[in-house]
């Protein structure tokens, strides 16, 4: 029983930081589609909520740490390209675009950070990103179950 709870918590904990690897972990732990779904939803919504409400404090702490280590900010071509892409997504789709892209491409810490940076209200961030996490978790759970069934070795035929 404890081992099963630890499996759920490990998937949920990873899902609070990154959804796709959490799906892989759920598959390696042989969780069912329902178990995967609920673990991903619990972790994803927890991550979104924590990073929405504490994201600014976390970002400020990271920036203070970085500022102490180096005084020079270096913007590489990749960082500029990524920033332009995020601005383009926000201008075109707003919170809906960020919410849609957060579970598979961004992550629960990054999606709220983007929305906060563009001035979105925390309540709207949590609502839209939670809906997105639920929908993506359903799709990921079905995909994981399908892939496990596809690659699962069938029981050997005993000839009876």
Protein backbone atom coordinates (compact mmCIF):
# COMPACT_ATOMS: atom_id res chain seq x y z
CA UNK A 1 0.00 0.00 0.00
CA UNK A 2 2.79 2.42 0.96
CA UNK A 3 4.67 1.49 -2.22
CA UNK A 4 1.62 2.35 -4.35
CA UNK A 5 1.18 5.72 -2.62
CA UNK A 6 4.87 6.47 -3.23
CA UNK A 7 4.38 5.68 -6.93
CA UNK A 8 1.48 8.13 -7.12
CA UNK A 9 3.43 10.80 -5.23
CA UNK A 10 6.51 10.38 -7.41
CA UNK A 11 4.46 10.78 -10.60
CA UNK A 12 2.55 13.73 -9.12
CA UNK A 13 5.75 15.35 -7.87
CA UNK A 14 7.40 15.09 -11.27
CA UNK A 15 4.20 16.30 -12.97
CA UNK A 16 4.31 19.45 -10.84
CA UNK A 17 7.58 20.27 -12.59
CA UNK A 18 7.32 18.58 -16.01
CA UNK A 19 4.39 16.62 -17.43
CA UNK A 20 5.87 14.50 -20.23
CA UNK A 21 8.56 12.81 -18.11
CA UNK A 22 5.88 12.15 -15.48
CA UNK A 23 3.91 10.20 -18.11
CA UNK A 24 7.00 8.11 -18.84
CA UNK A 25 7.48 7.52 -15.11
CA UNK A 26 3.84 6.44 -14.78
CA UNK A 27 4.37 3.97 -17.63
CA UNK A 28 7.51 2.57 -16.04
CA UNK A 29 5.61 2.18 -12.75
CA UNK A 30 2.82 0.31 -14.61
CA UNK A 31 0.10 2.66 -13.43
CA UNK A 32 -3.30 2.29 -15.06
CA UNK A 33 -4.76 5.07 -17.20
CA UNK A 34 -6.95 6.24 -14.31
CA UNK A 35 -4.04 6.23 -11.85
CA UNK A 36 -1.87 8.09 -14.35
CA UNK A 37 -4.62 10.63 -15.01
CA UNK A 38 -5.25 11.42 -11.36
CA UNK A 39 -1.53 11.56 -10.52
CA UNK A 40 -0.85 13.93 -13.43
CA UNK A 41 -3.81 16.15 -12.55
CA UNK A 42 -2.84 16.32 -8.87
CA UNK A 43 0.76 17.15 -9.65
CA UNK A 44 0.06 19.50 -12.54
CA UNK A 45 -2.53 21.59 -10.72
CA UNK A 46 -0.36 21.69 -7.60
CA UNK A 47 2.58 22.92 -9.66
CA UNK A 48 0.49 25.54 -11.44
CA UNK A 49 -0.99 26.80 -8.16
CA UNK A 50 2.32 26.93 -6.29
CA UNK A 51 4.15 28.65 -9.11
CA UNK A 52 1.30 31.08 -9.72
CA UNK A 53 1.22 32.30 -6.14
CA UNK A 54 4.91 31.99 -5.30
CA UNK A 55 6.37 32.43 -8.79
CA UNK A 56 7.31 36.08 -8.34
CA UNK A 57 9.08 35.35 -5.05
CA UNK A 58 10.89 32.38 -6.59
CA UNK A 59 11.89 34.41 -9.66
CA UNK A 60 13.16 37.27 -7.50
CA UNK A 61 15.20 34.87 -5.36
CA UNK A 62 16.75 33.27 -8.47
CA UNK A 63 17.55 36.70 -9.95
CA UNK A 64 19.14 37.85 -6.68
CA UNK A 65 21.26 34.71 -6.64
CA UNK A 66 22.30 35.20 -10.25
CA UNK A 67 23.05 38.88 -9.70
CA UNK A 68 25.38 38.02 -6.85
CA UNK A 69 27.27 35.57 -9.07
CA UNK A 70 27.59 37.74 -12.14
CA UNK A 71 26.95 41.36 -13.00
CA UNK A 72 26.77 40.83 -16.75
CA UNK A 73 23.59 39.60 -18.45
CA UNK A 74 24.25 37.68 -21.61
CA UNK A 75 21.47 37.31 -24.15
CA UNK A 76 22.24 34.57 -26.62
CA UNK A 77 20.49 34.10 -29.94
CA UNK A 78 18.54 31.17 -28.53
CA UNK A 79 17.28 33.20 -25.56
CA UNK A 80 16.22 36.07 -27.81
CA UNK A 81 14.52 33.66 -30.21
CA UNK A 82 12.67 31.97 -27.33
CA UNK A 83 11.59 35.33 -25.87
CA UNK A 84 10.28 36.48 -29.24
CA UNK A 85 8.34 33.23 -29.66
CA UNK A 86 6.74 33.62 -26.23
CA UNK A 87 5.79 37.24 -26.97
CA UNK A 88 4.33 36.18 -30.33
CA UNK A 89 2.26 33.41 -28.69
CA UNK A 90 1.01 35.79 -25.99
CA UNK A 91 0.01 38.53 -28.43
CA UNK A 92 -1.78 36.11 -30.70
CA UNK A 93 -3.45 33.72 -28.23
CA UNK A 94 -3.08 35.23 -24.75
CA UNK A 95 -3.65 33.09 -21.69
CA UNK A 96 -5.41 30.42 -23.78
CA UNK A 97 -2.33 29.84 -25.91
CA UNK A 98 -0.01 29.69 -22.93
CA UNK A 99 -2.40 27.37 -21.08
CA UNK A 100 -2.65 25.06 -24.09
CA UNK A 101 1.12 24.87 -24.56
CA UNK A 102 2.11 24.62 -20.89
CA UNK A 103 1.68 20.88 -20.13
CA UNK A 104 3.41 19.39 -23.18
CA UNK A 105 5.96 22.07 -24.12
CA UNK A 106 6.44 24.52 -21.29
CA UNK A 107 6.04 23.23 -17.76
CA UNK A 108 3.95 24.10 -14.70
CA UNK A 109 6.63 26.52 -13.44
CA UNK A 110 7.11 28.24 -16.82
CA UNK A 111 3.47 28.68 -17.91
CA UNK A 112 2.45 30.72 -14.85
CA UNK A 113 5.71 32.69 -15.04
CA UNK A 114 4.90 33.72 -18.61
CA UNK A 115 1.34 34.69 -17.71
CA UNK A 116 2.48 36.63 -14.64
CA UNK A 117 5.10 38.45 -16.71
CA UNK A 118 2.36 39.63 -19.08
CA UNK A 119 0.19 40.83 -16.18
CA UNK A 120 -2.47 38.10 -16.09
CA UNK A 121 -4.43 37.75 -12.84
CA UNK A 122 -3.56 34.71 -10.68
CA UNK A 123 -7.16 33.46 -10.55
CA UNK A 124 -7.39 33.34 -14.37
CA UNK A 125 -3.98 31.67 -14.60
CA UNK A 126 -5.03 28.90 -12.26
CA UNK A 127 -8.41 28.38 -13.95
CA UNK A 128 -7.10 28.20 -17.52
CA UNK A 129 -3.95 26.25 -16.74
CA UNK A 130 -5.86 23.78 -14.55
CA UNK A 131 -8.33 23.09 -17.35
CA UNK A 132 -5.41 22.58 -19.70
CA UNK A 133 -3.67 20.24 -17.25
CA UNK A 134 -6.86 18.16 -16.91
CA UNK A 135 -7.34 17.87 -20.69
CA UNK A 136 -3.70 17.09 -21.41
CA UNK A 137 -3.56 14.60 -18.52
CA UNK A 138 -6.51 12.74 -20.01
CA UNK A 139 -4.78 12.57 -23.39
CA UNK A 140 -1.44 11.58 -21.86
CA UNK A 141 -3.08 8.83 -19.76
CA UNK A 142 -4.84 7.37 -22.80
CA UNK A 143 -1.64 7.55 -24.84
CA UNK A 144 0.37 5.90 -22.07
CA UNK A 145 -2.18 3.09 -21.70
CA UNK A 146 -2.29 2.56 -25.46
CA UNK A 147 1.49 2.41 -25.75
CA UNK A 148 1.76 0.01 -22.82
CA UNK A 149 -0.84 -2.29 -24.37
CA UNK A 150 0.84 -2.05 -27.76
CA UNK A 151 4.25 -3.05 -26.48
CA UNK A 152 3.12 -5.38 -23.71
CA UNK A 153 3.97 -9.01 -24.36
CA UNK A 154 0.81 -11.11 -24.64
CA UNK A 155 0.44 -14.09 -22.35
CA UNK A 156 2.03 -17.16 -23.90
CA UNK A 157 -0.39 -19.57 -25.56
CA UNK A 158 -0.46 -22.82 -23.61
CA UNK A 159 -2.23 -24.70 -26.39
CA UNK A 160 -5.24 -25.72 -24.26
